[in-house]
N, C-alpha and C. Protein backbone atom coordinates (compact mmCIF):
# COMPACT_ATOMS: atom_id res chain seq x y z
N MET A 1 219.12 -36.56 153.76
CA MET A 1 219.82 -35.35 153.34
C MET A 1 221.27 -35.70 152.62
N LYS A 2 221.43 -35.28 151.55
CA LYS A 2 222.73 -35.60 150.86
C LYS A 2 223.81 -34.97 151.50
N THR A 3 224.98 -35.78 151.70
CA THR A 3 226.07 -35.31 152.42
C THR A 3 227.19 -35.31 151.27
N GLU A 4 227.98 -34.06 151.33
CA GLU A 4 229.02 -33.88 150.45
C GLU A 4 230.30 -33.67 151.31
N VAL A 5 231.44 -33.87 150.65
CA VAL A 5 232.69 -33.61 151.39
C VAL A 5 233.19 -32.34 150.77
N ALA A 6 233.83 -31.60 151.55
CA ALA A 6 234.23 -30.23 150.96
C ALA A 6 235.45 -29.71 151.94
N GLU A 7 236.21 -28.62 151.46
CA GLU A 7 237.06 -27.99 152.29
C GLU A 7 236.37 -26.82 152.96
N LEU A 8 236.76 -26.58 154.20
CA LEU A 8 236.19 -25.52 155.02
C LEU A 8 236.00 -24.16 154.37
N GLY A 9 237.26 -23.82 153.67
CA GLY A 9 237.24 -22.51 152.93
C GLY A 9 236.07 -22.42 151.85
N ASP A 10 236.06 -23.53 151.07
CA ASP A 10 235.09 -23.71 149.87
C ASP A 10 233.73 -23.55 150.45
N TYR A 11 233.55 -24.33 151.70
CA TYR A 11 232.15 -24.23 152.41
C TYR A 11 231.61 -22.97 152.53
N TYR A 12 232.53 -22.15 152.97
CA TYR A 12 232.12 -20.80 153.46
C TYR A 12 231.82 -19.85 152.22
N ARG A 13 232.62 -20.14 151.07
CA ARG A 13 232.36 -19.41 149.87
C ARG A 13 231.00 -19.63 149.34
N VAL A 14 230.51 -21.08 149.30
CA VAL A 14 229.32 -21.46 148.63
C VAL A 14 228.33 -21.01 149.67
N LEU A 15 228.52 -21.02 151.09
CA LEU A 15 227.46 -20.49 152.00
C LEU A 15 227.15 -19.00 151.81
N ALA A 16 228.13 -18.16 151.46
CA ALA A 16 228.03 -16.86 151.12
C ALA A 16 227.03 -16.65 150.11
N GLU A 17 227.24 -17.51 149.07
CA GLU A 17 226.23 -17.28 147.93
C GLU A 17 224.88 -17.75 148.36
N ARG A 18 224.70 -18.81 149.16
CA ARG A 18 223.48 -19.18 149.63
C ARG A 18 222.70 -18.20 150.44
N GLU A 19 223.62 -17.53 151.16
CA GLU A 19 223.00 -16.30 152.14
C GLU A 19 222.74 -15.07 151.52
N GLY A 20 223.26 -14.98 150.29
CA GLY A 20 223.06 -13.73 149.44
C GLY A 20 224.09 -12.68 149.88
N ILE A 21 225.18 -12.97 150.34
CA ILE A 21 226.20 -11.93 151.02
C ILE A 21 227.53 -12.02 150.18
N THR A 22 228.14 -11.05 150.12
CA THR A 22 229.31 -10.80 149.54
C THR A 22 230.50 -11.68 150.12
N PRO A 23 231.03 -12.54 149.31
CA PRO A 23 232.02 -13.48 149.83
C PRO A 23 233.19 -12.78 150.57
N MET A 24 233.65 -13.43 151.70
CA MET A 24 234.93 -12.87 152.34
C MET A 24 235.60 -14.01 152.93
N GLU A 25 236.87 -13.93 153.21
CA GLU A 25 237.60 -15.12 153.70
C GLU A 25 237.16 -15.18 155.14
N LEU A 26 236.64 -16.31 155.40
CA LEU A 26 236.15 -16.72 156.76
C LEU A 26 236.83 -17.92 157.43
N ALA A 27 237.90 -18.42 156.68
CA ALA A 27 238.81 -19.37 157.28
C ALA A 27 240.10 -19.26 156.76
N SER A 28 241.22 -18.79 157.63
CA SER A 28 242.45 -18.58 157.27
C SER A 28 243.41 -19.64 157.64
N VAL A 29 244.57 -19.52 156.86
CA VAL A 29 245.70 -20.63 157.44
C VAL A 29 246.30 -20.16 158.68
N TRP A 30 246.47 -20.96 159.59
CA TRP A 30 247.20 -20.56 160.88
C TRP A 30 248.66 -20.40 160.64
N ASP A 31 249.08 -19.27 161.32
CA ASP A 31 250.65 -19.10 161.43
C ASP A 31 250.98 -20.25 162.45
N PRO A 32 251.99 -21.11 162.12
CA PRO A 32 252.50 -22.11 163.02
C PRO A 32 252.88 -21.53 164.34
N THR A 33 253.41 -20.35 164.42
CA THR A 33 253.95 -19.68 165.81
C THR A 33 252.73 -19.47 166.60
N ASP A 34 251.64 -18.91 166.06
CA ASP A 34 250.31 -18.78 166.70
C ASP A 34 249.95 -20.00 167.34
N ALA A 35 249.77 -21.09 166.40
CA ALA A 35 249.30 -22.33 166.97
C ALA A 35 250.14 -23.02 168.06
N ASP A 36 251.37 -22.76 168.04
CA ASP A 36 252.16 -23.34 169.06
C ASP A 36 252.06 -22.51 170.23
N GLU A 37 251.91 -21.30 170.36
CA GLU A 37 251.56 -20.50 171.38
C GLU A 37 250.25 -20.95 172.03
N VAL A 38 249.38 -21.08 171.23
CA VAL A 38 247.95 -21.57 171.80
C VAL A 38 248.18 -22.94 172.57
N ALA A 39 248.90 -23.79 171.80
CA ALA A 39 248.86 -25.27 172.28
C ALA A 39 249.73 -25.12 173.67
N ALA A 40 250.93 -24.25 173.63
CA ALA A 40 251.65 -24.38 174.91
C ALA A 40 250.92 -23.58 175.97
N ASP A 41 250.11 -22.70 175.86
CA ASP A 41 249.34 -22.08 176.92
C ASP A 41 248.21 -23.04 177.51
N PHE A 42 247.63 -23.76 176.63
CA PHE A 42 246.61 -24.74 176.97
C PHE A 42 247.39 -25.83 177.71
N ARG A 43 248.40 -26.10 177.32
CA ARG A 43 249.15 -27.51 178.04
C ARG A 43 249.37 -27.15 179.43
N GLN A 44 250.08 -25.92 179.67
CA GLN A 44 250.41 -25.60 181.02
C GLN A 44 249.03 -25.31 181.89
N ALA A 45 248.13 -24.89 181.37
CA ALA A 45 246.83 -24.50 181.92
C ALA A 45 246.09 -25.90 182.36
N PHE A 46 246.13 -26.87 181.49
CA PHE A 46 245.58 -28.14 181.73
C PHE A 46 246.13 -28.62 183.13
N SER A 47 247.44 -28.65 183.06
CA SER A 47 248.26 -29.16 184.28
C SER A 47 247.64 -28.53 185.64
N GLY A 48 247.53 -27.12 185.55
CA GLY A 48 247.25 -26.36 186.73
C GLY A 48 245.86 -26.63 187.19
N CYS A 49 244.92 -26.97 186.10
CA CYS A 49 243.49 -27.32 186.49
C CYS A 49 243.20 -28.57 187.33
N ALA A 50 244.08 -29.48 187.07
CA ALA A 50 244.11 -30.66 187.90
C ALA A 50 242.72 -31.26 187.85
N PHE A 51 242.21 -31.48 186.67
CA PHE A 51 240.83 -32.10 186.42
C PHE A 51 240.79 -33.54 186.88
N GLY A 52 241.80 -34.24 187.14
CA GLY A 52 241.66 -35.50 187.62
C GLY A 52 241.48 -35.61 188.99
N GLN A 53 241.49 -34.41 189.79
CA GLN A 53 241.05 -34.51 191.17
C GLN A 53 239.86 -33.58 191.41
N ASN A 54 239.37 -32.85 190.42
CA ASN A 54 238.30 -31.93 190.64
C ASN A 54 237.28 -32.16 189.54
N PRO A 55 236.18 -33.08 189.92
CA PRO A 55 235.20 -33.29 188.99
C PRO A 55 234.10 -32.18 189.12
N LEU A 56 233.22 -32.12 188.07
CA LEU A 56 232.10 -31.28 187.94
C LEU A 56 230.75 -32.13 188.39
N SER A 57 230.18 -31.59 189.66
CA SER A 57 229.07 -32.25 190.06
C SER A 57 227.79 -31.85 189.39
N VAL A 58 226.82 -32.69 189.11
CA VAL A 58 225.59 -32.49 188.40
C VAL A 58 224.48 -33.15 189.12
N SER A 59 223.34 -32.91 188.88
CA SER A 59 222.10 -33.69 189.25
C SER A 59 221.94 -34.94 188.54
N ALA A 60 221.34 -36.10 189.04
CA ALA A 60 221.25 -37.32 188.35
C ALA A 60 220.30 -37.22 187.13
N ASP A 61 219.43 -36.20 186.97
CA ASP A 61 218.57 -36.20 185.88
C ASP A 61 219.07 -35.26 184.80
N VAL A 62 220.35 -34.88 184.80
CA VAL A 62 220.82 -33.92 183.84
C VAL A 62 220.98 -34.80 182.48
N THR A 63 220.54 -34.36 181.39
CA THR A 63 220.40 -34.92 180.08
C THR A 63 222.03 -34.82 179.42
N ASN A 64 222.17 -35.72 178.50
CA ASN A 64 223.51 -35.79 177.84
C ASN A 64 223.77 -34.32 177.05
N GLN A 65 222.66 -33.70 176.45
CA GLN A 65 222.78 -32.52 175.82
C GLN A 65 223.21 -31.44 176.86
N SER A 66 222.57 -31.32 178.00
CA SER A 66 222.86 -30.40 178.98
C SER A 66 224.28 -30.80 179.59
N VAL A 67 224.63 -31.91 179.70
CA VAL A 67 225.90 -32.34 180.21
C VAL A 67 227.02 -31.71 179.13
N GLY A 68 226.97 -31.56 177.92
CA GLY A 68 227.83 -31.02 177.10
C GLY A 68 228.00 -29.55 177.51
N ASN A 69 226.89 -28.78 177.59
CA ASN A 69 226.85 -27.46 177.96
C ASN A 69 227.57 -27.08 179.19
N ARG A 70 227.25 -28.00 180.30
CA ARG A 70 227.95 -27.76 181.52
C ARG A 70 229.40 -27.96 181.63
N VAL A 71 229.76 -29.12 180.73
CA VAL A 71 231.23 -29.25 180.72
C VAL A 71 231.82 -28.08 180.02
N ALA A 72 231.23 -27.43 178.91
CA ALA A 72 232.01 -26.47 178.32
C ALA A 72 231.92 -25.21 179.33
N ARG A 73 230.95 -24.94 180.02
CA ARG A 73 231.08 -23.75 180.95
C ARG A 73 232.06 -24.07 182.04
N PHE A 74 231.95 -25.20 182.61
CA PHE A 74 232.92 -25.59 183.71
C PHE A 74 234.47 -25.45 183.26
N PHE A 75 234.65 -26.05 182.05
CA PHE A 75 236.07 -25.95 181.49
C PHE A 75 236.51 -24.52 181.29
N SER A 76 235.68 -23.67 180.75
CA SER A 76 236.00 -22.41 180.51
C SER A 76 236.33 -21.58 181.68
N VAL A 77 235.65 -21.80 182.82
CA VAL A 77 235.83 -21.12 183.98
C VAL A 77 237.21 -21.68 184.60
N GLN A 78 237.40 -22.94 184.55
CA GLN A 78 238.53 -23.47 185.16
C GLN A 78 239.87 -23.16 184.49
N VAL A 79 239.77 -23.25 183.15
CA VAL A 79 240.99 -23.04 182.37
C VAL A 79 241.43 -21.42 182.32
N ASN A 80 240.50 -20.68 182.42
CA ASN A 80 240.77 -19.29 182.39
C ASN A 80 241.50 -18.89 183.64
N GLN A 81 241.41 -19.69 184.69
CA GLN A 81 242.17 -19.25 185.92
C GLN A 81 243.81 -19.69 185.76
N HIS A 82 244.06 -20.38 184.67
CA HIS A 82 245.37 -20.79 184.62
C HIS A 82 245.97 -20.44 183.28
N LEU A 83 245.34 -20.10 182.31
CA LEU A 83 246.01 -19.43 180.93
C LEU A 83 246.61 -18.23 181.30
N ARG A 84 247.69 -18.18 180.74
CA ARG A 84 248.63 -16.99 180.85
C ARG A 84 248.64 -15.94 179.80
N SER A 85 248.67 -16.51 178.54
CA SER A 85 248.66 -15.57 177.47
C SER A 85 247.32 -15.44 176.67
N PHE A 86 246.35 -16.35 177.06
CA PHE A 86 245.06 -16.16 176.25
C PHE A 86 243.80 -16.21 177.40
N GLN A 87 242.73 -15.78 176.94
CA GLN A 87 241.38 -15.93 177.75
C GLN A 87 240.47 -16.43 176.85
N VAL A 88 239.46 -17.35 177.40
CA VAL A 88 238.28 -17.90 176.71
C VAL A 88 237.14 -16.88 177.04
N GLU A 89 236.61 -16.40 176.04
CA GLU A 89 235.51 -15.41 176.38
C GLU A 89 234.23 -16.00 175.55
N ASP A 90 233.03 -15.69 176.05
CA ASP A 90 231.86 -16.02 175.23
C ASP A 90 231.57 -15.19 173.96
N CYS A 91 231.01 -15.89 172.98
CA CYS A 91 230.62 -15.24 171.79
C CYS A 91 229.16 -15.15 171.68
N ALA A 92 228.74 -13.97 171.95
CA ALA A 92 227.26 -13.74 172.27
C ALA A 92 226.40 -14.17 171.01
N GLY A 93 225.22 -14.86 171.51
CA GLY A 93 224.18 -15.30 170.58
C GLY A 93 224.32 -16.80 170.15
N PRO A 94 223.13 -17.32 169.53
CA PRO A 94 223.35 -18.74 169.11
C PRO A 94 224.15 -18.99 167.87
N GLY A 95 224.64 -20.09 167.57
CA GLY A 95 225.51 -20.57 166.55
C GLY A 95 226.87 -20.64 166.80
N TYR A 96 227.57 -20.64 165.54
CA TYR A 96 229.17 -20.96 165.67
C TYR A 96 229.83 -19.62 165.50
N PRO A 97 230.84 -19.38 166.25
CA PRO A 97 231.39 -20.15 167.30
C PRO A 97 230.85 -19.80 168.76
N ASP A 98 231.07 -20.92 169.62
CA ASP A 98 230.54 -20.74 171.02
C ASP A 98 231.47 -19.61 171.63
N LYS A 99 232.80 -19.64 171.49
CA LYS A 99 233.62 -18.77 172.16
C LYS A 99 234.67 -18.06 171.25
N LYS A 100 235.15 -17.02 171.99
CA LYS A 100 236.46 -16.45 171.41
C LYS A 100 237.65 -16.74 172.23
N LEU A 101 238.68 -17.02 171.62
CA LEU A 101 240.09 -17.09 172.32
C LEU A 101 240.78 -15.84 171.95
N VAL A 102 241.02 -15.00 172.99
CA VAL A 102 241.72 -13.78 172.83
C VAL A 102 243.09 -13.79 173.56
N ARG A 103 244.13 -13.43 172.65
CA ARG A 103 245.53 -13.04 172.99
C ARG A 103 245.55 -11.83 173.69
N LEU A 104 246.10 -12.03 174.99
CA LEU A 104 246.12 -10.78 175.89
C LEU A 104 247.07 -9.81 175.37
N ARG A 105 248.16 -9.97 174.97
CA ARG A 105 249.09 -8.99 174.58
C ARG A 105 248.80 -8.07 173.41
N ASP A 106 247.91 -8.63 172.38
CA ASP A 106 247.59 -7.84 171.29
C ASP A 106 246.09 -7.99 170.87
N HIS A 107 245.34 -8.61 171.85
CA HIS A 107 243.88 -8.73 171.52
C HIS A 107 243.54 -9.51 170.30
N GLN A 108 244.46 -10.14 169.78
CA GLN A 108 244.11 -11.01 168.49
C GLN A 108 243.01 -12.03 168.96
N THR A 109 242.07 -12.12 168.16
CA THR A 109 240.88 -13.03 168.57
C THR A 109 240.81 -14.26 167.59
N PHE A 110 240.62 -15.27 168.13
CA PHE A 110 240.36 -16.61 167.36
C PHE A 110 239.02 -17.26 167.67
N ALA A 111 238.55 -17.90 166.62
CA ALA A 111 237.20 -18.53 166.86
C ALA A 111 237.42 -19.75 167.50
N LEU A 112 236.75 -20.02 168.49
CA LEU A 112 236.84 -21.33 169.47
C LEU A 112 235.58 -22.10 169.60
N GLU A 113 235.54 -23.17 169.30
CA GLU A 113 234.35 -24.00 169.52
C GLU A 113 234.82 -25.17 170.54
N LEU A 114 233.76 -25.30 171.53
CA LEU A 114 234.09 -26.46 172.48
C LEU A 114 233.17 -27.50 172.32
N LYS A 115 233.55 -28.80 172.29
CA LYS A 115 232.79 -29.91 172.16
C LYS A 115 233.09 -31.04 173.23
N ALA A 116 232.09 -31.15 174.08
CA ALA A 116 232.15 -32.29 175.03
C ALA A 116 231.79 -33.73 174.12
N THR A 117 232.71 -34.67 174.47
CA THR A 117 232.58 -35.84 173.73
C THR A 117 232.99 -37.10 174.60
N SER A 118 232.84 -38.32 174.02
CA SER A 118 233.39 -39.51 174.50
C SER A 118 234.74 -39.55 174.22
N LEU A 119 235.56 -40.54 174.65
CA LEU A 119 236.86 -40.72 174.25
C LEU A 119 237.09 -40.56 172.82
N PHE A 120 238.19 -40.04 172.19
CA PHE A 120 238.51 -39.80 170.88
C PHE A 120 238.89 -41.09 170.34
N ARG A 121 238.11 -41.29 169.12
CA ARG A 121 238.55 -42.54 168.44
C ARG A 121 238.60 -42.27 166.85
N PRO A 122 239.79 -42.37 166.47
CA PRO A 122 240.15 -41.96 164.99
C PRO A 122 239.26 -42.56 163.88
N HIS A 123 238.60 -43.78 164.18
CA HIS A 123 237.79 -44.37 163.13
C HIS A 123 236.19 -44.22 163.32
N ASN A 124 236.04 -43.29 164.22
CA ASN A 124 234.44 -42.85 164.58
C ASN A 124 234.11 -41.90 163.75
N ALA A 125 233.20 -42.25 162.71
CA ALA A 125 232.80 -41.32 161.72
C ALA A 125 231.43 -40.57 162.09
N ASN A 126 230.98 -40.65 163.37
CA ASN A 126 229.80 -39.77 163.81
C ASN A 126 230.12 -38.38 163.56
N ARG A 127 229.01 -37.58 163.22
CA ARG A 127 229.15 -36.38 162.74
C ARG A 127 229.11 -35.33 164.12
N LEU A 128 230.15 -34.39 164.12
CA LEU A 128 230.01 -33.28 165.12
C LEU A 128 229.69 -32.04 164.43
N VAL A 129 228.45 -31.54 164.58
CA VAL A 129 228.15 -30.32 163.83
C VAL A 129 228.94 -29.11 164.21
N LEU A 130 229.54 -28.42 163.19
CA LEU A 130 230.47 -27.33 163.30
C LEU A 130 229.92 -26.05 163.28
N THR A 131 229.42 -25.91 161.94
CA THR A 131 228.78 -24.44 161.68
C THR A 131 227.74 -24.50 160.49
N SER A 132 226.83 -23.56 160.60
CA SER A 132 225.74 -23.62 159.42
C SER A 132 225.58 -22.31 159.01
N ARG A 133 226.07 -21.21 159.72
CA ARG A 133 225.76 -19.80 159.33
C ARG A 133 227.03 -19.06 159.54
N SER A 134 227.20 -17.92 158.84
CA SER A 134 228.34 -17.16 158.99
C SER A 134 228.12 -15.80 159.76
N GLU A 135 226.88 -15.58 160.27
CA GLU A 135 226.55 -14.34 160.76
C GLU A 135 227.58 -13.93 161.96
N LYS A 136 227.65 -14.84 162.93
CA LYS A 136 228.61 -14.52 164.10
C LYS A 136 230.05 -14.27 163.69
N LEU A 137 230.57 -15.00 162.72
CA LEU A 137 231.89 -14.87 162.27
C LEU A 137 232.11 -13.36 161.67
N ARG A 138 231.21 -13.07 160.80
CA ARG A 138 231.18 -11.73 160.18
C ARG A 138 231.12 -10.67 161.11
N ARG A 139 230.19 -10.78 162.35
CA ARG A 139 230.00 -9.79 163.14
C ARG A 139 231.02 -9.62 164.13
N ASP A 140 231.74 -10.61 164.58
CA ASP A 140 232.70 -10.68 165.64
C ASP A 140 234.20 -10.90 165.31
N PHE A 141 234.51 -11.18 164.23
CA PHE A 141 235.91 -11.50 163.71
C PHE A 141 236.19 -10.74 162.45
N SER A 142 237.45 -10.34 162.34
CA SER A 142 238.07 -9.72 161.30
C SER A 142 239.21 -10.60 160.53
N ALA A 143 239.19 -10.70 159.30
CA ALA A 143 240.09 -11.49 158.55
C ALA A 143 241.60 -10.98 159.08
N PRO A 144 242.48 -12.04 159.08
CA PRO A 144 242.39 -13.45 158.92
C PRO A 144 241.64 -14.03 160.03
N ILE A 145 240.65 -14.84 159.79
CA ILE A 145 239.96 -15.65 160.80
C ILE A 145 240.40 -17.08 160.95
N ARG A 146 240.85 -17.46 162.07
CA ARG A 146 241.52 -18.79 162.50
C ARG A 146 240.63 -19.46 163.32
N HIS A 147 240.42 -20.72 163.14
CA HIS A 147 239.47 -21.47 163.93
C HIS A 147 240.16 -22.51 164.65
N VAL A 148 239.84 -22.90 166.08
CA VAL A 148 240.35 -23.84 166.66
C VAL A 148 239.07 -24.60 167.43
N LEU A 149 239.25 -25.81 167.22
CA LEU A 149 238.01 -26.68 167.92
C LEU A 149 238.78 -27.52 168.96
N LEU A 150 238.14 -27.42 170.20
CA LEU A 150 238.45 -28.24 171.36
C LEU A 150 237.68 -29.14 171.71
N LEU A 151 238.00 -30.60 171.71
CA LEU A 151 237.12 -31.62 172.10
C LEU A 151 237.64 -32.02 173.52
N ILE A 152 236.54 -31.98 174.47
CA ILE A 152 236.84 -32.39 175.78
C ILE A 152 236.21 -33.57 176.24
N ALA A 153 237.05 -34.67 176.43
CA ALA A 153 236.40 -35.99 176.73
C ALA A 153 236.22 -36.12 178.23
N TYR A 154 235.08 -36.60 178.61
CA TYR A 154 234.57 -36.68 179.97
C TYR A 154 233.98 -38.18 180.30
N GLU A 155 233.98 -38.58 181.32
CA GLU A 155 233.46 -39.79 182.00
C GLU A 155 232.36 -39.34 182.95
N ARG A 156 231.18 -39.94 183.01
CA ARG A 156 230.20 -39.62 183.98
C ARG A 156 230.02 -40.84 184.94
N SER A 157 230.09 -40.48 186.22
CA SER A 157 229.89 -41.44 187.46
C SER A 157 228.82 -40.95 188.19
N ALA A 158 227.55 -41.36 188.19
CA ALA A 158 226.56 -40.90 188.85
C ALA A 158 226.37 -39.37 188.74
N THR A 159 226.61 -38.61 189.82
CA THR A 159 226.52 -37.33 189.64
C THR A 159 227.76 -36.54 189.60
N GLU A 160 228.81 -37.12 189.10
CA GLU A 160 230.07 -36.50 188.93
C GLU A 160 230.48 -36.65 187.46
N LEU A 161 231.01 -35.63 186.84
CA LEU A 161 231.70 -35.64 185.50
C LEU A 161 233.22 -35.43 185.52
N TRP A 162 233.91 -36.23 185.05
CA TRP A 162 235.34 -36.16 185.14
C TRP A 162 235.80 -35.88 183.83
N LEU A 163 236.60 -34.82 183.79
CA LEU A 163 237.20 -34.50 182.48
C LEU A 163 238.52 -35.24 182.31
N ARG A 164 238.65 -36.12 181.30
CA ARG A 164 239.63 -37.06 181.16
C ARG A 164 240.82 -36.53 180.32
N SER A 165 240.57 -35.96 179.24
CA SER A 165 241.48 -35.50 178.25
C SER A 165 240.85 -34.55 177.23
N ALA A 166 241.65 -33.84 176.44
CA ALA A 166 241.08 -32.92 175.60
C ALA A 166 242.13 -32.93 174.25
N ARG A 167 241.61 -32.54 173.19
CA ARG A 167 242.37 -32.41 171.92
C ARG A 167 241.92 -31.08 171.27
N LEU A 168 242.97 -30.38 170.87
CA LEU A 168 242.89 -29.05 170.15
C LEU A 168 243.24 -29.49 168.80
N ALA A 169 242.26 -28.97 167.77
CA ALA A 169 242.40 -29.16 166.27
C ALA A 169 242.44 -27.76 165.80
N PHE A 170 243.50 -27.40 165.01
CA PHE A 170 243.65 -26.03 164.42
C PHE A 170 243.08 -26.17 163.03
N LEU A 171 241.92 -25.59 162.76
CA LEU A 171 241.19 -25.76 161.43
C LEU A 171 241.56 -24.60 160.61
N GLY A 172 241.73 -24.86 159.27
CA GLY A 172 241.98 -24.08 158.24
C GLY A 172 241.23 -24.12 157.00
N PRO A 173 241.32 -23.40 155.93
CA PRO A 173 240.66 -23.46 154.62
C PRO A 173 240.65 -24.75 154.04
N ASN A 174 241.79 -25.54 154.26
CA ASN A 174 241.94 -26.88 153.66
C ASN A 174 241.39 -28.02 154.53
N THR A 175 240.77 -27.76 155.68
CA THR A 175 240.20 -28.80 156.54
C THR A 175 239.04 -29.26 155.91
N THR A 176 239.06 -30.62 155.80
CA THR A 176 237.93 -31.49 155.25
C THR A 176 236.74 -31.50 156.19
N VAL A 177 235.71 -31.09 155.75
CA VAL A 177 234.31 -31.13 156.48
C VAL A 177 233.24 -31.80 155.61
N GLN A 178 232.23 -32.35 156.39
CA GLN A 178 231.09 -32.84 155.63
C GLN A 178 230.04 -31.91 155.65
N VAL A 179 229.26 -31.77 154.37
CA VAL A 179 228.41 -30.62 154.14
C VAL A 179 227.01 -31.11 153.94
N ARG A 180 225.94 -30.44 154.62
CA ARG A 180 224.58 -31.21 154.33
C ARG A 180 223.55 -30.05 153.73
N TYR A 181 223.44 -28.80 153.95
CA TYR A 181 224.50 -27.88 154.05
C TYR A 181 224.78 -27.18 155.32
N GLU A 182 225.56 -27.90 156.11
CA GLU A 182 226.23 -27.42 157.20
C GLU A 182 227.63 -28.13 157.25
N ALA A 183 228.54 -27.59 158.02
CA ALA A 183 229.86 -28.16 158.05
C ALA A 183 229.90 -29.03 159.45
N SER A 184 230.41 -30.22 159.28
CA SER A 184 230.60 -30.99 160.49
C SER A 184 231.91 -31.76 160.39
N VAL A 185 232.55 -32.20 161.58
CA VAL A 185 233.76 -33.04 161.41
C VAL A 185 233.45 -34.36 162.31
N SER A 186 234.38 -35.20 162.21
CA SER A 186 234.25 -36.52 162.97
C SER A 186 235.68 -36.76 163.59
N HIS A 187 235.64 -37.71 164.57
CA HIS A 187 237.03 -38.06 165.11
C HIS A 187 237.87 -38.49 164.10
N GLN A 188 237.32 -39.32 163.01
CA GLN A 188 238.03 -39.78 161.92
C GLN A 188 238.74 -38.61 161.18
N MET A 189 238.11 -37.59 160.82
CA MET A 189 238.67 -36.41 160.10
C MET A 189 239.66 -35.77 160.97
N LEU A 190 239.37 -35.48 162.15
CA LEU A 190 240.26 -34.77 162.95
C LEU A 190 241.57 -35.39 163.35
N SER A 191 241.47 -36.80 163.25
CA SER A 191 242.75 -37.52 163.45
C SER A 191 243.75 -37.22 162.30
N GLY A 192 243.32 -36.60 161.29
CA GLY A 192 244.32 -36.37 160.17
C GLY A 192 244.78 -34.95 160.12
N CYS A 193 244.34 -34.14 161.28
CA CYS A 193 244.85 -32.85 161.32
C CYS A 193 246.35 -32.72 161.58
N THR A 194 247.09 -32.04 160.89
CA THR A 194 248.59 -31.96 161.00
C THR A 194 248.95 -31.22 162.22
N ARG A 195 248.11 -30.20 162.71
CA ARG A 195 248.66 -29.42 163.77
C ARG A 195 247.71 -29.78 164.89
N THR A 196 248.04 -30.55 165.99
CA THR A 196 247.02 -30.97 167.03
C THR A 196 247.87 -30.93 168.20
N PHE A 197 247.12 -30.68 169.24
CA PHE A 197 247.79 -30.81 170.74
C PHE A 197 246.89 -31.77 171.48
N ILE A 198 247.51 -32.75 172.23
CA ILE A 198 246.68 -33.69 172.86
C ILE A 198 247.21 -33.62 174.31
N TRP A 199 246.33 -33.62 175.36
CA TRP A 199 246.71 -33.63 176.65
C TRP A 199 245.85 -34.79 177.30
N PRO A 200 246.36 -35.64 178.30
CA PRO A 200 247.78 -35.68 178.52
C PRO A 200 248.58 -36.32 177.28
N GLU A 201 249.98 -36.17 177.34
CA GLU A 201 250.84 -36.81 176.25
C GLU A 201 250.35 -38.29 175.97
N GLY A 202 250.04 -38.55 174.72
CA GLY A 202 249.68 -39.99 174.43
C GLY A 202 248.39 -40.42 175.01
N GLY A 203 247.39 -39.23 175.20
CA GLY A 203 246.25 -39.54 175.73
C GLY A 203 245.29 -40.22 174.72
N ALA A 204 244.13 -40.55 175.09
CA ALA A 204 243.27 -41.47 174.23
C ALA A 204 242.30 -40.59 173.20
N ILE A 205 242.23 -39.28 173.52
CA ILE A 205 241.33 -38.31 172.79
C ILE A 205 242.08 -38.00 171.64
């Protein structure tokens, strides 16, 4: 399958044509103040979660695909107990995004995708599939739609999964994606995001 490189905003415009739907703005520029607020709330929440002392227990036969889903659920439950200004909510149905990030004071909603991964490596070009349809975005979000991708790095030790680090990437219309026709990102591409939050400070992800 041929892979192209495009910007996320352009990808969604072409996708609308392919879906036979009137184009609309599905990826908007982040307000720096909003991004800083999200990063600050997650930073303090991660500290409160104490993931370094609290592993996720799984059975020995759990597959890697299932591990990713379990890590995402575990993370969401834990972090919601410590977030002060936001809450992570499910985004019903298959496809992108997995979650909604809802700001409590005004109910502003952001598209949130969680990905469980190995340690972040800036030169790793393996694809992370991001989005391939616009149905959920159109159904559950109103413009301006702002996207945030959260990579959660874990290590597995027998039946214990240890969350080691996390990386928030604030995606916008100019974010570079690979198109097949679906949009994906890689560690290499995310290393170039200008607005990012890394926990712990100086962490490997």
